[in-house]
Amino acid sequence: MQVILFRHGKAVSKEVAGSDEERWLTEEGKEDVKRVAKCLPKPTKIYSSPLKRARETAEILSKTFGVEYEVLEELAPKRLNLETFSKIVKPGALYVAHNPDLEELLRGLGCSAELKAGGAAVVSLAPPKLLALLNPQFCP
């Protein structure tokens, strides 16, 4: 089973947005998400953290792939971990979430990697293996 873990694109600071939950994507962040999406396989479904920057990332990915997205509270900051992920994981799905949660999840799967904002990790879960690490600077 293969899944895609996607870190939301670059966002404005919480000082600009007023709170961490309301941070939105910068123009650069939106472009990074579009670039990385071109390098990914089409997911079966997209799941997103409820935070604004993650939902905006999921909207871009949804339009790019023609795949619906759904918000999951389990993907909110400090909620995603290996146990939670094992309960929500679906074959071929893409998950938009946050660091450090995503990098800790990758480590828990035995696939240590640094995910930049707007980056994605394509992971095989059986057996756990990092198939691709796509950070924005690597995608045309």
C-alpha atoms as a PDB file:
ATOM      1  CA  MET A   1       0.000   0.000   0.000  1.00  0.00           C
ATOM      2  CA  GLN A   2       1.292   3.425  -0.994  1.00  0.00           C
ATOM      3  CA  VAL A   3       0.349   6.815   0.496  1.00  0.00           C
ATOM      4  CA  ILE A   4       1.476  10.419   0.068  1.00  0.00           C
ATOM      5  CA  LEU A   5       2.286  12.650   3.044  1.00  0.00           C
ATOM      6  CA  PHE A   6       2.162  16.313   2.036  1.00  0.00           C
ATOM      7  CA  ARG A   7       3.263  19.247   4.169  1.00  0.00           C
ATOM      8  CA  HIS A   8       1.155  22.354   3.555  1.00  0.00           C
ATOM      9  CA  GLY A   9       2.699  25.129   1.455  1.00  0.00           C
ATOM     10  CA  LYS A  10       4.515  28.163   2.841  1.00  0.00           C
ATOM     11  CA  ALA A  11       2.178  30.368   4.852  1.00  0.00           C
ATOM     12  CA  VAL A  12       2.159  33.858   6.336  1.00  0.00           C
ATOM     13  CA  SER A  13       3.280  34.236   9.949  1.00  0.00           C
ATOM     14  CA  LYS A  14       0.806  33.965  12.801  1.00  0.00           C
ATOM     15  CA  GLU A  15       1.519  37.621  13.594  1.00  0.00           C
ATOM     16  CA  VAL A  16       0.197  38.589  10.154  1.00  0.00           C
ATOM     17  CA  ALA A  17      -2.758  36.159  10.297  1.00  0.00           C
ATOM     18  CA  GLY A  18      -3.694  36.835  13.925  1.00  0.00           C
ATOM     19  CA  SER A  19      -3.477  33.167  14.959  1.00  0.00           C
ATOM     20  CA  ASP A  20      -1.745  29.965  13.922  1.00  0.00           C
ATOM     21  CA  GLU A  21      -5.048  28.408  12.835  1.00  0.00           C
ATOM     22  CA  GLU A  22      -5.808  31.241  10.385  1.00  0.00           C
ATOM     23  CA  ARG A  23      -2.449  31.382   8.576  1.00  0.00           C
ATOM     24  CA  TRP A  24      -2.963  31.301   4.793  1.00  0.00           C
ATOM     25  CA  LEU A  25      -0.667  30.314   1.940  1.00  0.00           C
ATOM     26  CA  THR A  26       1.663  32.852   0.396  1.00  0.00           C
ATOM     27  CA  GLU A  27       1.803  33.134  -3.396  1.00  0.00           C
ATOM     28  CA  GLU A  28       5.136  31.292  -3.293  1.00  0.00           C
ATOM     29  CA  GLY A  29       3.511  28.588  -1.159  1.00  0.00           C
ATOM     30  CA  LYS A  30       0.707  28.137  -3.700  1.00  0.00           C
ATOM     31  CA  GLU A  31       3.196  27.843  -6.564  1.00  0.00           C
ATOM     32  CA  ASP A  32       5.318  25.332  -4.621  1.00  0.00           C
ATOM     33  CA  VAL A  33       2.264  23.116  -4.057  1.00  0.00           C
ATOM     34  CA  LYS A  34       1.384  23.223  -7.773  1.00  0.00           C
ATOM     35  CA  ARG A  35       4.975  22.353  -8.751  1.00  0.00           C
ATOM     36  CA  VAL A  36       5.244  19.394  -6.395  1.00  0.00           C
ATOM     37  CA  ALA A  37       1.792  18.116  -7.417  1.00  0.00           C
ATOM     38  CA  LYS A  38       3.047  17.752 -11.007  1.00  0.00           C
ATOM     39  CA  CYS A  39       5.655  15.267  -9.764  1.00  0.00           C
ATOM     40  CA  LEU A  40       3.226  13.067  -7.799  1.00  0.00           C
ATOM     41  CA  PRO A  41       1.060  10.098  -8.737  1.00  0.00           C
ATOM     42  CA  LYS A  42      -2.688  10.795  -8.681  1.00  0.00           C
ATOM     43  CA  PRO A  43      -4.124   9.994  -5.247  1.00  0.00           C
ATOM     44  CA  THR A  44      -7.372   8.104  -4.706  1.00  0.00           C
ATOM     45  CA  LYS A  45      -8.539  10.676  -2.119  1.00  0.00           C
ATOM     46  CA  ILE A  46      -7.134  13.732  -0.343  1.00  0.00           C
ATOM     47  CA  TYR A  47      -7.427  14.287   3.411  1.00  0.00           C
ATOM     48  CA  SER A  48      -6.523  17.583   5.073  1.00  0.00           C
ATOM     49  CA  SER A  49      -5.878  19.074   8.462  1.00  0.00           C
ATOM     50  CA  PRO A  50      -8.601  21.574   9.416  1.00  0.00           C
ATOM     51  CA  LEU A  51      -6.181  24.520   9.547  1.00  0.00           C
ATOM     52  CA  LYS A  52      -6.584  27.122   6.799  1.00  0.00           C
ATOM     53  CA  ARG A  53      -3.135  26.685   5.199  1.00  0.00           C
ATOM     54  CA  ALA A  54      -3.642  22.916   4.951  1.00  0.00           C
ATOM     55  CA  ARG A  55      -7.156  23.296   3.504  1.00  0.00           C
ATOM     56  CA  GLU A  56      -5.826  25.746   0.897  1.00  0.00           C
ATOM     57  CA  THR A  57      -3.111  23.228   0.008  1.00  0.00           C
ATOM     58  CA  ALA A  58      -5.734  20.474  -0.277  1.00  0.00           C
ATOM     59  CA  GLU A  59      -7.893  22.689  -2.524  1.00  0.00           C
ATOM     60  CA  ILE A  60      -4.987  23.216  -4.924  1.00  0.00           C
ATOM     61  CA  LEU A  61      -4.238  19.483  -4.959  1.00  0.00           C
ATOM     62  CA  SER A  62      -7.921  18.652  -5.408  1.00  0.00           C
ATOM     63  CA  LYS A  63      -8.148  20.898  -8.484  1.00  0.00           C
ATOM     64  CA  THR A  64      -4.867  19.579  -9.876  1.00  0.00           C
ATOM     65  CA  PHE A  65      -5.834  15.913  -9.576  1.00  0.00           C
ATOM     66  CA  GLY A  66      -9.614  16.165  -9.963  1.00  0.00           C
ATOM     67  CA  VAL A  67      -9.978  14.344  -6.639  1.00  0.00           C
ATOM     68  CA  GLU A  68     -12.197  15.438  -3.751  1.00  0.00           C
ATOM     69  CA  TYR A  69     -10.743  16.291  -0.381  1.00  0.00           C
ATOM     70  CA  GLU A  70     -12.055  15.809   3.114  1.00  0.00           C
ATOM     71  CA  VAL A  71     -11.023  17.521   6.348  1.00  0.00           C
ATOM     72  CA  LEU A  72      -9.946  15.218   9.188  1.00  0.00           C
ATOM     73  CA  GLU A  73      -9.425  16.508  12.731  1.00  0.00           C
ATOM     74  CA  GLU A  74      -6.850  13.728  13.202  1.00  0.00           C
ATOM     75  CA  LEU A  75      -4.490  15.646  10.878  1.00  0.00           C
ATOM     76  CA  ALA A  76      -4.501  18.809  13.024  1.00  0.00           C
ATOM     77  CA  PRO A  77      -1.202  19.806  14.673  1.00  0.00           C
ATOM     78  CA  LYS A  78      -0.187  17.641  17.644  1.00  0.00           C
ATOM     79  CA  ARG A  79      -2.883  15.063  16.834  1.00  0.00           C
ATOM     80  CA  LEU A  80      -1.209  13.063  14.069  1.00  0.00           C
ATOM     81  CA  ASN A  81       0.975  10.171  15.192  1.00  0.00           C
ATOM     82  CA  LEU A  82       1.608   6.570  14.154  1.00  0.00           C
ATOM     83  CA  GLU A  83      -1.357   5.220  16.141  1.00  0.00           C
ATOM     84  CA  THR A  84      -3.775   7.833  14.772  1.00  0.00           C
ATOM     85  CA  PHE A  85      -2.476   7.351  11.238  1.00  0.00           C
ATOM     86  CA  SER A  86      -2.989   3.587  11.408  1.00  0.00           C
ATOM     87  CA  LYS A  87      -6.700   4.229  12.113  1.00  0.00           C
ATOM     88  CA  ILE A  88      -7.255   6.651   9.194  1.00  0.00           C
ATOM     89  CA  VAL A  89      -4.889   5.355   6.505  1.00  0.00           C
ATOM     90  CA  LYS A  90      -6.417   4.435   3.125  1.00  0.00           C
ATOM     91  CA  PRO A  91      -4.541   2.935   0.135  1.00  0.00           C
ATOM     92  CA  GLY A  92      -3.421   5.518  -2.402  1.00  0.00           C
ATOM     93  CA  ALA A  93      -4.560   8.526  -0.357  1.00  0.00           C
ATOM     94  CA  LEU A  94      -2.777  11.837   0.116  1.00  0.00           C
ATOM     95  CA  TYR A  95      -2.634  13.451   3.575  1.00  0.00           C
ATOM     96  CA  VAL A  96      -2.031  17.194   4.049  1.00  0.00           C
ATOM     97  CA  ALA A  97      -0.701  17.974   7.509  1.00  0.00           C
ATOM     98  CA  HIS A  98       2.013  19.759   9.487  1.00  0.00           C
ATOM     99  CA  ASN A  99       5.511  19.429  10.862  1.00  0.00           C
ATOM    100  CA  PRO A 100       6.840  18.202  13.188  1.00  0.00           C
ATOM    101  CA  ASP A 101       3.994  15.645  13.057  1.00  0.00           C
ATOM    102  CA  LEU A 102       4.716  14.487   9.499  1.00  0.00           C
ATOM    103  CA  GLU A 103       8.448  14.032  10.054  1.00  0.00           C
ATOM    104  CA  GLU A 104       7.758  12.166  13.318  1.00  0.00           C
ATOM    105  CA  LEU A 105       5.278   9.936  11.470  1.00  0.00           C
ATOM    106  CA  LEU A 106       7.887   9.214   8.807  1.00  0.00           C
ATOM    107  CA  ARG A 107      10.420   8.305  11.513  1.00  0.00           C
ATOM    108  CA  GLY A 108       7.829   6.031  13.122  1.00  0.00           C
ATOM    109  CA  LEU A 109       7.472   4.293   9.771  1.00  0.00           C
ATOM    110  CA  GLY A 110      11.242   3.901   9.549  1.00  0.00           C
ATOM    111  CA  CYS A 111      11.496   6.498   6.771  1.00  0.00           C
ATOM    112  CA  SER A 112      13.354   9.484   8.158  1.00  0.00           C
ATOM    113  CA  ALA A 113      13.155  12.528   5.886  1.00  0.00           C
ATOM    114  CA  GLU A 114      13.039  16.324   6.056  1.00  0.00           C
ATOM    115  CA  LEU A 115       9.808  17.671   4.568  1.00  0.00           C
ATOM    116  CA  LYS A 116       9.982  21.309   3.534  1.00  0.00           C
ATOM    117  CA  ALA A 117       6.828  23.432   3.327  1.00  0.00           C
ATOM    118  CA  GLY A 118       5.025  22.360   0.163  1.00  0.00           C
ATOM    119  CA  GLY A 119       6.915  19.067   0.055  1.00  0.00           C
ATOM    120  CA  ALA A 120       5.684  15.491  -0.167  1.00  0.00           C
ATOM    121  CA  ALA A 121       6.848  12.012   0.746  1.00  0.00           C
ATOM    122  CA  VAL A 122       5.586   9.018  -1.218  1.00  0.00           C
ATOM    123  CA  VAL A 123       5.675   6.059   1.151  1.00  0.00           C
ATOM    124  CA  SER A 124       5.091   2.342   0.784  1.00  0.00           C
ATOM    125  CA  LEU A 125       3.585   0.963   3.977  1.00  0.00           C
ATOM    126  CA  ALA A 126       4.089  -2.748   3.373  1.00  0.00           C
ATOM    127  CA  PRO A 127       6.946  -2.927   4.043  1.00  0.00           C
ATOM    128  CA  PRO A 128       7.558   0.699   5.144  1.00  0.00           C
ATOM    129  CA  LYS A 129       9.840   2.394   2.639  1.00  0.00           C
ATOM    130  CA  LEU A 130      10.344   5.960   1.428  1.00  0.00           C
ATOM    131  CA  LEU A 131       9.766   5.799  -2.337  1.00  0.00           C
ATOM    132  CA  ALA A 132      10.206   9.496  -3.123  1.00  0.00           C
ATOM    133  CA  LEU A 133      10.907  12.769  -1.340  1.00  0.00           C
ATOM    134  CA  LEU A 134       9.706  15.756  -3.336  1.00  0.00           C
ATOM    135  CA  ASN A 135      10.541  19.149  -1.902  1.00  0.00           C
ATOM    136  CA  PRO A 136       9.661  22.221  -3.993  1.00  0.00           C
ATOM    137  CA  GLN A 137      13.242  22.949  -5.053  1.00  0.00           C
ATOM    138  CA  PHE A 138      13.420  19.488  -6.715  1.00  0.00           C
ATOM    139  CA  CYS A 139      10.337  19.910  -8.930  1.00  0.00           C
ATOM    140  CA  PRO A 140      10.305  22.008 -12.111  1.00  0.00           C
END
